[in-house]
Amino acid sequence: MPKMKTKKSAAKRYSFTGTGKVKYKKQNLRHILTKKSSKRKRNLRHAGILSSDNVLVIKKRLLPYG
């Protein structure tokens, strides 16, 4: 049985924490920032944690060796 390949696009977007949660960078912080409030931009800076429903999909299909 050959090794499973990691989906490189997913590997660039997601990473795992020490406890096995999936971490990602939030969207909407690249351009057209003038109309967004400071509070909204500040909250988008921090990493997001993926819900537990989607963690299994990421681990099994996209990042099998993560």
Protein backbone atom coordinates (compact mmCIF):
# COMPACT_ATOMS: atom_id res chain seq x y z
CA MET A 1 0.00 0.00 0.00
CA PRO A 2 1.57 3.34 -1.00
CA LYS A 3 1.72 6.30 1.33
CA MET A 4 -1.22 8.71 1.33
CA LYS A 5 -0.43 12.12 -0.10
CA THR A 6 -1.04 15.24 1.94
CA LYS A 7 -3.21 17.86 0.25
CA LYS A 8 -0.68 20.69 0.09
CA SER A 9 -3.34 23.40 -0.20
CA ALA A 10 -4.81 22.23 3.11
CA ALA A 11 -1.37 21.96 4.73
CA LYS A 12 -0.78 25.65 3.99
CA ARG A 13 -4.11 26.67 5.53
CA TYR A 14 -4.46 24.46 8.61
CA SER A 15 -2.19 23.41 11.46
CA PHE A 16 -2.71 21.32 14.57
CA THR A 17 -2.44 22.42 18.17
CA GLY A 18 -0.84 20.27 20.84
CA THR A 19 -4.22 18.93 21.94
CA GLY A 20 -5.26 17.97 18.39
CA LYS A 21 -7.49 20.91 17.54
CA VAL A 22 -7.27 22.42 14.05
CA LYS A 23 -6.09 26.03 13.82
CA TYR A 24 -6.52 28.35 10.82
CA LYS A 25 -6.07 32.00 9.87
CA LYS A 26 -9.30 33.95 9.59
CA GLN A 27 -10.30 35.45 6.26
CA ASN A 28 -11.30 39.03 5.30
CA LEU A 29 -8.09 40.78 6.38
CA ARG A 30 -6.33 41.22 3.02
CA HIS A 31 -7.82 44.23 1.26
CA ILE A 32 -10.67 46.79 1.43
CA LEU A 33 -9.81 47.40 5.09
CA THR A 34 -11.01 51.01 5.26
CA LYS A 35 -14.68 50.11 5.60
CA LYS A 36 -14.07 47.51 8.31
CA SER A 37 -14.12 48.63 11.91
CA SER A 38 -11.03 48.48 14.11
CA LYS A 39 -12.76 46.01 16.41
CA ARG A 40 -13.53 43.68 13.50
CA LYS A 41 -9.96 43.84 12.17
CA ARG A 42 -8.53 43.25 15.64
CA ASN A 43 -10.66 40.13 16.12
CA LEU A 44 -9.64 38.78 12.71
CA ARG A 45 -5.95 38.86 13.66
CA HIS A 46 -6.22 35.92 16.02
CA ALA A 47 -6.23 32.33 14.80
CA GLY A 48 -9.54 30.51 14.62
CA ILE A 49 -10.23 27.02 15.95
CA LEU A 50 -12.16 24.70 13.66
CA SER A 51 -15.32 23.08 15.04
CA SER A 52 -15.05 19.45 16.09
CA ASP A 53 -17.39 18.33 13.27
CA ASN A 54 -14.88 19.31 10.59
CA VAL A 55 -11.76 18.10 12.40
CA LEU A 56 -12.23 14.49 11.29
CA VAL A 57 -12.52 15.52 7.63
CA ILE A 58 -9.31 17.52 7.81
CA LYS A 59 -7.40 14.77 9.63
CA LYS A 60 -8.53 11.81 7.53
CA ARG A 61 -8.80 13.21 4.02
CA LEU A 62 -6.60 16.26 3.77
CA LEU A 63 -3.81 15.88 6.33
CA PRO A 64 -3.50 12.14 6.99
CA TYR A 65 -0.11 12.40 8.74
CA GLY A 66 -0.81 15.65 10.60
